[in-house]
Amino acid sequence: MLQREGYIRGWTEIEENGHKSLEIELKYFDGAPVIAEIKRISKPGRRVYSSVKEIPLVRNGLGISILSTPKGVMSDNDARTENVGGEILCRVS
């Protein structure tokens, strides 16, 4: 999702000593990272759901929210296009 939206260059799955992890290549613009903040919204103790009409804009449309919907994990723009709401996982700006 972050690669498709242009926030990271790419990612690879690596395995060291039997443990899998992700290596993420961050994207920079004019020497500054493209991602300024990633904030987790839904937590195990407090799930946050939103209908399609109530999905909040992040920084007036400059950021994205990542949602878990019945049609899969998608960005807020894709959720509005597909007319589905869901659980707001995180906010990227």
PDB file of N, CA and C in Angstrom:
ATOM      1  N   MET A   1       0.820  -1.188   0.000  1.00  0.00           N
ATOM      2  CA  MET A   1       0.000   0.000   0.000  1.00  0.00           C
ATOM      3  C   MET A   1       0.867   1.256   0.000  1.00  0.00           C
ATOM      4  N   LEU A   2       1.873   1.298   0.864  1.00  0.00           N
ATOM      5  CA  LEU A   2       2.728   2.486   0.939  1.00  0.00           C
ATOM      6  C   LEU A   2       3.539   2.686  -0.332  1.00  0.00           C
ATOM      7  N   GLN A   3       3.936   1.596  -0.976  1.00  0.00           N
ATOM      8  CA  GLN A   3       4.683   1.719  -2.227  1.00  0.00           C
ATOM      9  C   GLN A   3       3.777   2.215  -3.346  1.00  0.00           C
ATOM     10  N   ARG A   4       2.565   1.680  -3.412  1.00  0.00           N
ATOM     11  CA  ARG A   4       1.635   2.093  -4.459  1.00  0.00           C
ATOM     12  C   ARG A   4       1.247   3.562  -4.323  1.00  0.00           C
ATOM     13  N   GLU A   5       1.151   4.049  -3.088  1.00  0.00           N
ATOM     14  CA  GLU A   5       0.796   5.452  -2.851  1.00  0.00           C
ATOM     15  C   GLU A   5       1.995   6.393  -2.950  1.00  0.00           C
ATOM     16  N   GLY A   6       3.220   5.854  -3.096  1.00  0.00           N
ATOM     17  CA  GLY A   6       4.397   6.681  -3.308  1.00  0.00           C
ATOM     18  C   GLY A   6       5.119   7.123  -2.045  1.00  0.00           C
ATOM     19  N   TYR A   7       4.918   6.428  -0.938  1.00  0.00           N
ATOM     20  CA  TYR A   7       5.585   6.812   0.311  1.00  0.00           C
ATOM     21  C   TYR A   7       6.904   6.074   0.539  1.00  0.00           C
ATOM     22  N   ILE A   8       7.087   4.900  -0.067  1.00  0.00           N
ATOM     23  CA  ILE A   8       8.348   4.168   0.048  1.00  0.00           C
ATOM     24  C   ILE A   8       8.783   3.729  -1.342  1.00  0.00           C
ATOM     25  N   ARG A   9      10.093   3.473  -1.494  1.00  0.00           N
ATOM     26  CA  ARG A   9      10.605   3.008  -2.780  1.00  0.00           C
ATOM     27  C   ARG A   9      10.317   1.532  -3.008  1.00  0.00           C
ATOM     28  N   GLY A  10      10.473   0.744  -1.955  1.00  0.00           N
ATOM     29  CA  GLY A  10      10.242  -0.684  -2.088  1.00  0.00           C
ATOM     30  C   GLY A  10      10.510  -1.408  -0.785  1.00  0.00           C
ATOM     31  N   TRP A  11      10.316  -2.718  -0.806  1.00  0.00           N
ATOM     32  CA  TRP A  11      10.542  -3.525   0.381  1.00  0.00           C
ATOM     33  C   TRP A  11      10.952  -4.927  -0.050  1.00  0.00           C
ATOM     34  N   THR A  12      11.693  -5.582   0.824  1.00  0.00           N
ATOM     35  CA  THR A  12      12.085  -6.973   0.589  1.00  0.00           C
ATOM     36  C   THR A  12      11.925  -7.739   1.898  1.00  0.00           C
ATOM     37  N   GLU A  13      11.621  -9.011   1.765  1.00  0.00           N
ATOM     38  CA  GLU A  13      11.503  -9.879   2.930  1.00  0.00           C
ATOM     39  C   GLU A  13      12.829 -10.599   3.090  1.00  0.00           C
ATOM     40  N   ILE A  14      13.442 -10.491   4.257  1.00  0.00           N
ATOM     41  CA  ILE A  14      14.726 -11.132   4.504  1.00  0.00           C
ATOM     42  C   ILE A  14      14.581 -12.104   5.673  1.00  0.00           C
ATOM     43  N   GLU A  15      15.442 -13.095   5.680  1.00  0.00           N
ATOM     44  CA  GLU A  15      15.422 -14.080   6.755  1.00  0.00           C
ATOM     45  C   GLU A  15      16.820 -14.190   7.336  1.00  0.00           C
ATOM     46  N   GLU A  16      16.941 -13.953   8.637  1.00  0.00           N
ATOM     47  CA  GLU A  16      18.214 -14.043   9.339  1.00  0.00           C
ATOM     48  C   GLU A  16      18.030 -14.932  10.561  1.00  0.00           C
ATOM     49  N   ASN A  17      18.833 -15.946  10.659  1.00  0.00           N
ATOM     50  CA  ASN A  17      18.799 -16.870  11.795  1.00  0.00           C
ATOM     51  C   ASN A  17      17.407 -17.460  12.025  1.00  0.00           C
ATOM     52  N   GLY A  18      16.701 -17.744  10.947  1.00  0.00           N
ATOM     53  CA  GLY A  18      15.375 -18.347  11.049  1.00  0.00           C
ATOM     54  C   GLY A  18      14.250 -17.374  11.340  1.00  0.00           C
ATOM     55  N   HIS A  19      14.540 -16.068  11.427  1.00  0.00           N
ATOM     56  CA  HIS A  19      13.519 -15.055  11.695  1.00  0.00           C
ATOM     57  C   HIS A  19      13.312 -14.215  10.445  1.00  0.00           C
ATOM     58  N   LYS A  20      12.057 -14.057  10.056  1.00  0.00           N
ATOM     59  CA  LYS A  20      11.732 -13.232   8.896  1.00  0.00           C
ATOM     60  C   LYS A  20      11.479 -11.800   9.335  1.00  0.00           C
ATOM     61  N   SER A  21      11.918 -10.872   8.503  1.00  0.00           N
ATOM     62  CA  SER A  21      11.658  -9.454   8.749  1.00  0.00           C
ATOM     63  C   SER A  21      11.563  -8.736   7.417  1.00  0.00           C
ATOM     64  N   LEU A  22      11.087  -7.511   7.455  1.00  0.00           N
ATOM     65  CA  LEU A  22      10.964  -6.691   6.258  1.00  0.00           C
ATOM     66  C   LEU A  22      12.031  -5.613   6.260  1.00  0.00           C
ATOM     67  N   GLU A  23      12.624  -5.405   5.106  1.00  0.00           N
ATOM     68  CA  GLU A  23      13.571  -4.312   4.927  1.00  0.00           C
ATOM     69  C   GLU A  23      12.899  -3.302   4.006  1.00  0.00           C
ATOM     70  N   ILE A  24      12.666  -2.104   4.517  1.00  0.00           N
ATOM     71  CA  ILE A  24      11.929  -1.080   3.780  1.00  0.00           C
ATOM     72  C   ILE A  24      12.887   0.011   3.337  1.00  0.00           C
ATOM     73  N   GLU A  25      12.836   0.336   2.043  1.00  0.00           N
ATOM     74  CA  GLU A  25      13.657   1.411   1.493  1.00  0.00           C
ATOM     75  C   GLU A  25      12.807   2.679   1.457  1.00  0.00           C
ATOM     76  N   LEU A  26      13.163   3.644   2.298  1.00  0.00           N
ATOM     77  CA  LEU A  26      12.393   4.877   2.399  1.00  0.00           C
ATOM     78  C   LEU A  26      12.621   5.775   1.191  1.00  0.00           C
ATOM     79  N   LYS A  27      11.654   6.621   0.921  1.00  0.00           N
ATOM     80  CA  LYS A  27      11.726   7.545  -0.195  1.00  0.00           C
ATOM     81  C   LYS A  27      12.002   8.948   0.347  1.00  0.00           C
ATOM     82  N   TYR A  28      12.866   9.695  -0.335  1.00  0.00           N
ATOM     83  CA  TYR A  28      13.217  11.049   0.081  1.00  0.00           C
ATOM     84  C   TYR A  28      12.917  12.030  -1.041  1.00  0.00           C
ATOM     85  N   PHE A  29      12.553  13.266  -0.679  1.00  0.00           N
ATOM     86  CA  PHE A  29      12.308  14.333  -1.642  1.00  0.00           C
ATOM     87  C   PHE A  29      13.035  15.566  -1.142  1.00  0.00           C
ATOM     88  N   ASP A  30      13.961  16.090  -1.907  1.00  0.00           N
ATOM     89  CA  ASP A  30      14.798  17.246  -1.537  1.00  0.00           C
ATOM     90  C   ASP A  30      15.511  17.025  -0.204  1.00  0.00           C
ATOM     91  N   GLY A  31      15.979  15.823   0.022  1.00  0.00           N
ATOM     92  CA  GLY A  31      16.731  15.505   1.221  1.00  0.00           C
ATOM     93  C   GLY A  31      15.904  15.228   2.467  1.00  0.00           C
ATOM     94  N   ALA A  32      14.596  15.377   2.385  1.00  0.00           N
ATOM     95  CA  ALA A  32      13.721  15.126   3.532  1.00  0.00           C
ATOM     96  C   ALA A  32      12.890  13.871   3.268  1.00  0.00           C
ATOM     97  N   PRO A  33      12.618  13.078   4.298  1.00  0.00           N
ATOM     98  CA  PRO A  33      11.810  11.872   4.087  1.00  0.00           C
ATOM     99  C   PRO A  33      10.378  12.230   3.690  1.00  0.00           C
ATOM    100  N   VAL A  34       9.802  11.423   2.819  1.00  0.00           N
ATOM    101  CA  VAL A  34       8.426  11.648   2.367  1.00  0.00           C
ATOM    102  C   VAL A  34       7.448  11.387   3.507  1.00  0.00           C
ATOM    103  N   ILE A  35       7.729  10.397   4.343  1.00  0.00           N
ATOM    104  CA  ILE A  35       6.872  10.089   5.483  1.00  0.00           C
ATOM    105  C   ILE A  35       7.312  10.932   6.683  1.00  0.00           C
ATOM    106  N   ALA A  36       6.434  11.813   7.126  1.00  0.00           N
ATOM    107  CA  ALA A  36       6.734  12.627   8.303  1.00  0.00           C
ATOM    108  C   ALA A  36       6.234  11.940   9.568  1.00  0.00           C
ATOM    109  N   GLU A  37       5.103  11.228   9.458  1.00  0.00           N
ATOM    110  CA  GLU A  37       4.512  10.600  10.631  1.00  0.00           C
ATOM    111  C   GLU A  37       3.641   9.423  10.216  1.00  0.00           C
ATOM    112  N   ILE A  38       3.740   8.337  10.963  1.00  0.00           N
ATOM    113  CA  ILE A  38       2.810   7.217  10.854  1.00  0.00           C
ATOM    114  C   ILE A  38       2.203   7.040  12.238  1.00  0.00           C
ATOM    115  N   LYS A  39       0.877   7.154  12.317  1.00  0.00           N
ATOM    116  CA  LYS A  39       0.215   7.044  13.611  1.00  0.00           C
ATOM    117  C   LYS A  39      -0.798   5.912  13.570  1.00  0.00           C
ATOM    118  N   ARG A  40      -0.695   5.005  14.523  1.00  0.00           N
ATOM    119  CA  ARG A  40      -1.630   3.895  14.639  1.00  0.00           C
ATOM    120  C   ARG A  40      -2.933   4.424  15.235  1.00  0.00           C
ATOM    121  N   ILE A  41      -4.053   4.100  14.590  1.00  0.00           N
ATOM    122  CA  ILE A  41      -5.346   4.590  15.048  1.00  0.00           C
ATOM    123  C   ILE A  41      -6.071   3.501  15.843  1.00  0.00           C
ATOM    124  N   SER A  42      -6.369   2.372  15.204  1.00  0.00           N
ATOM    125  CA  SER A  42      -7.021   1.264  15.904  1.00  0.00           C
ATOM    126  C   SER A  42      -5.996   0.495  16.720  1.00  0.00           C
ATOM    127  N   LYS A  43      -6.379   0.155  17.919  1.00  0.00           N
ATOM    128  CA  LYS A  43      -5.512  -0.602  18.817  1.00  0.00           C
ATOM    129  C   LYS A  43      -6.309  -1.790  19.332  1.00  0.00           C
ATOM    130  N   PRO A  44      -5.661  -2.807  19.875  1.00  0.00           N
ATOM    131  CA  PRO A  44      -6.417  -3.963  20.378  1.00  0.00           C
ATOM    132  C   PRO A  44      -7.458  -3.598  21.433  1.00  0.00           C
ATOM    133  N   GLY A  45      -7.200  -2.595  22.232  1.00  0.00           N
ATOM    134  CA  GLY A  45      -8.155  -2.193  23.263  1.00  0.00           C
ATOM    135  C   GLY A  45      -9.226  -1.241  22.772  1.00  0.00           C
ATOM    136  N   ARG A  46      -9.011  -0.635  21.609  1.00  0.00           N
ATOM    137  CA  ARG A  46      -9.969   0.333  21.083  1.00  0.00           C
ATOM    138  C   ARG A  46      -9.935   0.314  19.559  1.00  0.00           C
ATOM    139  N   ARG A  47     -10.922  -0.315  18.979  1.00  0.00           N
ATOM    140  CA  ARG A  47     -11.034  -0.372  17.520  1.00  0.00           C
ATOM    141  C   ARG A  47     -11.797   0.856  17.040  1.00  0.00           C
ATOM    142  N   VAL A  48     -11.334   1.441  15.936  1.00  0.00           N
ATOM    143  CA  VAL A  48     -11.966   2.637  15.384  1.00  0.00           C
ATOM    144  C   VAL A  48     -12.490   2.297  13.999  1.00  0.00           C
ATOM    145  N   TYR A  49     -13.815   2.412  13.842  1.00  0.00           N
ATOM    146  CA  TYR A  49     -14.469   2.123  12.574  1.00  0.00           C
ATOM    147  C   TYR A  49     -15.054   3.402  12.009  1.00  0.00           C
ATOM    148  N   SER A  50     -15.185   3.447  10.681  1.00  0.00           N
ATOM    149  CA  SER A  50     -15.728   4.625  10.037  1.00  0.00           C
ATOM    150  C   SER A  50     -16.539   4.216   8.822  1.00  0.00           C
ATOM    151  N   SER A  51     -17.673   4.885   8.633  1.00  0.00           N
ATOM    152  CA  SER A  51     -18.432   4.673   7.404  1.00  0.00           C
ATOM    153  C   SER A  51     -17.748   5.446   6.282  1.00  0.00           C
ATOM    154  N   VAL A  52     -18.147   5.182   5.071  1.00  0.00           N
ATOM    155  CA  VAL A  52     -17.490   5.834   3.932  1.00  0.00           C
ATOM    156  C   VAL A  52     -17.675   7.348   3.976  1.00  0.00           C
ATOM    157  N   LYS A  53     -18.790   7.817   4.506  1.00  0.00           N
ATOM    158  CA  LYS A  53     -19.052   9.258   4.567  1.00  0.00           C
ATOM    159  C   LYS A  53     -18.252   9.946   5.667  1.00  0.00           C
ATOM    160  N   GLU A  54     -17.787   9.180   6.653  1.00  0.00           N
ATOM    161  CA  GLU A  54     -17.089   9.766   7.797  1.00  0.00           C
ATOM    162  C   GLU A  54     -15.583   9.546   7.792  1.00  0.00           C
ATOM    163  N   ILE A  55     -15.018   8.999   6.709  1.00  0.00           N
ATOM    164  CA  ILE A  55     -13.576   8.771   6.653  1.00  0.00           C
ATOM    165  C   ILE A  55     -12.872  10.128   6.663  1.00  0.00           C
ATOM    166  N   PRO A  56     -12.021  10.379   7.653  1.00  0.00           N
ATOM    167  CA  PRO A  56     -11.401  11.702   7.764  1.00  0.00           C
ATOM    168  C   PRO A  56     -10.304  11.923   6.719  1.00  0.00           C
ATOM    169  N   LEU A  57     -10.150  13.185   6.318  1.00  0.00           N
ATOM    170  CA  LEU A  57      -9.039  13.568   5.445  1.00  0.00           C
ATOM    171  C   LEU A  57      -7.797  13.750   6.312  1.00  0.00           C
ATOM    172  N   VAL A  58      -6.650  13.346   5.799  1.00  0.00           N
ATOM    173  CA  VAL A  58      -5.387  13.511   6.509  1.00  0.00           C
ATOM    174  C   VAL A  58      -4.644  14.671   5.865  1.00  0.00           C
ATOM    175  N   ARG A  59      -4.376  15.688   6.640  1.00  0.00           N
ATOM    176  CA  ARG A  59      -3.686  16.905   6.174  1.00  0.00           C
ATOM    177  C   ARG A  59      -4.323  17.452   4.897  1.00  0.00           C
ATOM    178  N   ASN A  60      -5.648  17.557   4.906  1.00  0.00           N
ATOM    179  CA  ASN A  60      -6.425  18.074   3.773  1.00  0.00           C
ATOM    180  C   ASN A  60      -6.139  17.340   2.476  1.00  0.00           C
ATOM    181  N   GLY A  61      -5.955  16.032   2.552  1.00  0.00           N
ATOM    182  CA  GLY A  61      -5.752  15.216   1.370  1.00  0.00           C
ATOM    183  C   GLY A  61      -4.303  14.967   1.015  1.00  0.00           C
ATOM    184  N   LEU A  62      -3.347  15.539   1.747  1.00  0.00           N
ATOM    185  CA  LEU A  62      -1.929  15.321   1.456  1.00  0.00           C
ATOM    186  C   LEU A  62      -1.414  14.013   2.052  1.00  0.00           C
ATOM    187  N   GLY A  63      -2.108  13.468   3.028  1.00  0.00           N
ATOM    188  CA  GLY A  63      -1.743  12.189   3.619  1.00  0.00           C
ATOM    189  C   GLY A  63      -2.815  11.154   3.308  1.00  0.00           C
ATOM    190  N   ILE A  64      -2.626   9.940   3.822  1.00  0.00           N
ATOM    191  CA  ILE A  64      -3.618   8.885   3.599  1.00  0.00           C
ATOM    192  C   ILE A  64      -3.933   8.182   4.916  1.00  0.00           C
ATOM    193  N   SER A  65      -5.116   7.600   4.957  1.00  0.00           N
ATOM    194  CA  SER A  65      -5.487   6.671   6.009  1.00  0.00           C
ATOM    195  C   SER A  65      -5.528   5.292   5.374  1.00  0.00           C
ATOM    196  N   ILE A  66      -5.095   4.285   6.108  1.00  0.00           N
ATOM    197  CA  ILE A  66      -5.149   2.913   5.614  1.00  0.00           C
ATOM    198  C   ILE A  66      -6.262   2.216   6.370  1.00  0.00           C
ATOM    199  N   LEU A  67      -7.203   1.627   5.619  1.00  0.00           N
ATOM    200  CA  LEU A  67      -8.375   0.998   6.197  1.00  0.00           C
ATOM    201  C   LEU A  67      -8.415  -0.486   5.881  1.00  0.00           C
ATOM    202  N   SER A  68      -8.996  -1.244   6.801  1.00  0.00           N
ATOM    203  CA  SER A  68      -9.294  -2.646   6.569  1.00  0.00           C
ATOM    204  C   SER A  68     -10.789  -2.723   6.283  1.00  0.00           C
ATOM    205  N   THR A  69     -11.148  -3.076   5.064  1.00  0.00           N
ATOM    206  CA  THR A  69     -12.544  -3.097   4.636  1.00  0.00           C
ATOM    207  C   THR A  69     -12.950  -4.516   4.259  1.00  0.00           C
ATOM    208  N   PRO A  70     -14.237  -4.755   4.035  1.00  0.00           N
ATOM    209  CA  PRO A  70     -14.660  -6.075   3.560  1.00  0.00           C
ATOM    210  C   PRO A  70     -14.062  -6.442   2.200  1.00  0.00           C
ATOM    211  N   LYS A  71     -13.612  -5.448   1.438  1.00  0.00           N
ATOM    212  CA  LYS A  71     -12.990  -5.690   0.133  1.00  0.00           C
ATOM    213  C   LYS A  71     -11.479  -5.731   0.209  1.00  0.00           C
ATOM    214  N   GLY A  72     -10.910  -5.734   1.419  1.00  0.00           N
ATOM    215  CA  GLY A  72      -9.464  -5.808   1.603  1.00  0.00           C
ATOM    216  C   GLY A  72      -8.902  -4.527   2.185  1.00  0.00           C
ATOM    217  N   VAL A  73      -7.587  -4.514   2.370  1.00  0.00           N
ATOM    218  CA  VAL A  73      -6.907  -3.337   2.911  1.00  0.00           C
ATOM    219  C   VAL A  73      -6.716  -2.334   1.782  1.00  0.00           C
ATOM    220  N   MET A  74      -7.124  -1.084   2.034  1.00  0.00           N
ATOM    221  CA  MET A  74      -7.020  -0.054   0.993  1.00  0.00           C
ATOM    222  C   MET A  74      -6.852   1.317   1.609  1.00  0.00           C
ATOM    223  N   SER A  75      -6.468   2.271   0.774  1.00  0.00           N
ATOM    224  CA  SER A  75      -6.307   3.653   1.224  1.00  0.00           C
ATOM    225  C   SER A  75      -7.678   4.314   1.333  1.00  0.00           C
ATOM    226  N   ASP A  76      -7.707   5.477   1.973  1.00  0.00           N
ATOM    227  CA  ASP A  76      -8.980   6.180   2.133  1.00  0.00           C
ATOM    228  C   ASP A  76      -9.572   6.596   0.787  1.00  0.00           C
ATOM    229  N   ASN A  77      -8.734   6.983  -0.163  1.00  0.00           N
ATOM    230  CA  ASN A  77      -9.236   7.357  -1.489  1.00  0.00           C
ATOM    231  C   ASN A  77      -9.869   6.160  -2.199  1.00  0.00           C
ATOM    232  N   ASP A  78      -9.229   4.998  -2.111  1.00  0.00           N
ATOM    233  CA  ASP A  78      -9.783   3.797  -2.731  1.00  0.00           C
ATOM    234  C   ASP A  78     -11.091   3.396  -2.057  1.00  0.00           C
ATOM    235  N   ALA A  79     -11.164   3.544  -0.736  1.00  0.00           N
ATOM    236  CA  ALA A  79     -12.389   3.200  -0.008  1.00  0.00           C
ATOM    237  C   ALA A  79     -13.542   4.113  -0.419  1.00  0.00           C
ATOM    238  N   ARG A  80     -13.255   5.391  -0.609  1.00  0.00           N
ATOM    239  CA  ARG A  80     -14.310   6.297  -1.072  1.00  0.00           C
ATOM    240  C   ARG A  80     -14.757   5.929  -2.483  1.00  0.00           C
ATOM    241  N   THR A  81     -13.815   5.553  -3.347  1.00  0.00           N
ATOM    242  CA  THR A  81     -14.144   5.157  -4.717  1.00  0.00           C
ATOM    243  C   THR A  81     -14.993   3.885  -4.725  1.00  0.00           C
ATOM    244  N   GLU A  82     -14.637   2.905  -3.871  1.00  0.00           N
ATOM    245  CA  GLU A  82     -15.368   1.639  -3.791  1.00  0.00           C
ATOM    246  C   GLU A  82     -16.634   1.754  -2.940  1.00  0.00           C
ATOM    247  N   ASN A  83     -16.831   2.898  -2.274  1.00  0.00           N
ATOM    248  CA  ASN A  83     -17.986   3.163  -1.427  1.00  0.00           C
ATOM    249  C   ASN A  83     -18.109   2.159  -0.276  1.00  0.00           C
ATOM    250  N   VAL A  84     -16.985   1.922   0.418  1.00  0.00           N
ATOM    251  CA  VAL A  84     -16.971   1.035   1.583  1.00  0.00           C
ATOM    252  C   VAL A  84     -16.276   1.733   2.745  1.00  0.00           C
ATOM    253  N   GLY A  85     -16.714   1.418   3.935  1.00  0.00           N
ATOM    254  CA  GLY A  85     -16.069   1.890   5.153  1.00  0.00           C
ATOM    255  C   GLY A  85     -15.358   0.726   5.808  1.00  0.00           C
ATOM    256  N   GLY A  86     -14.788   0.963   6.959  1.00  0.00           N
ATOM    257  CA  GLY A  86     -14.113  -0.116   7.658  1.00  0.00           C
ATOM    258  C   GLY A  86     -13.331   0.383   8.846  1.00  0.00           C
ATOM    259  N   GLU A  87     -12.400  -0.454   9.300  1.00  0.00           N
ATOM    260  CA  GLU A  87     -11.572  -0.123  10.446  1.00  0.00           C
ATOM    261  C   GLU A  87     -10.373   0.712   9.999  1.00  0.00           C
ATOM    262  N   ILE A  88     -10.163   1.844  10.646  1.00  0.00           N
ATOM    263  CA  ILE A  88      -9.034   2.712  10.310  1.00  0.00           C
ATOM    264  C   ILE A  88      -7.807   2.166  11.045  1.00  0.00           C
ATOM    265  N   LEU A  89      -6.841   1.651  10.297  1.00  0.00           N
ATOM    266  CA  LEU A  89      -5.655   1.053  10.887  1.00  0.00           C
ATOM    267  C   LEU A  89      -4.617   2.101  11.278  1.00  0.00           C
ATOM    268  N   CYS A  90      -4.258   2.968  10.322  1.00  0.00           N
ATOM    269  CA  CYS A  90      -3.244   3.978  10.625  1.00  0.00           C
ATOM    270  C   CYS A  90      -3.414   5.182   9.706  1.00  0.00           C
ATOM    271  N   ARG A  91      -2.662   6.232  10.042  1.00  0.00           N
ATOM    272  CA  ARG A  91      -2.670   7.473   9.286  1.00  0.00           C
ATOM    273  C   ARG A  91      -1.233   7.792   8.911  1.00  0.00           C
ATOM    274  N   VAL A  92      -0.979   8.077   7.635  1.00  0.00           N
ATOM    275  CA  VAL A  92       0.361   8.384   7.135  1.00  0.00           C
ATOM    276  C   VAL A  92       0.364   9.802   6.586  1.00  0.00           C
ATOM    277  N   SER A  93       1.324  10.602   7.050  1.00  0.00           N
ATOM    278  CA  SER A  93       1.423  11.967   6.524  1.00  0.00           C
ATOM    279  C   SER A  93       2.883  12.339   6.341  1.00  0.00           C
TER     280      SER A  93
END
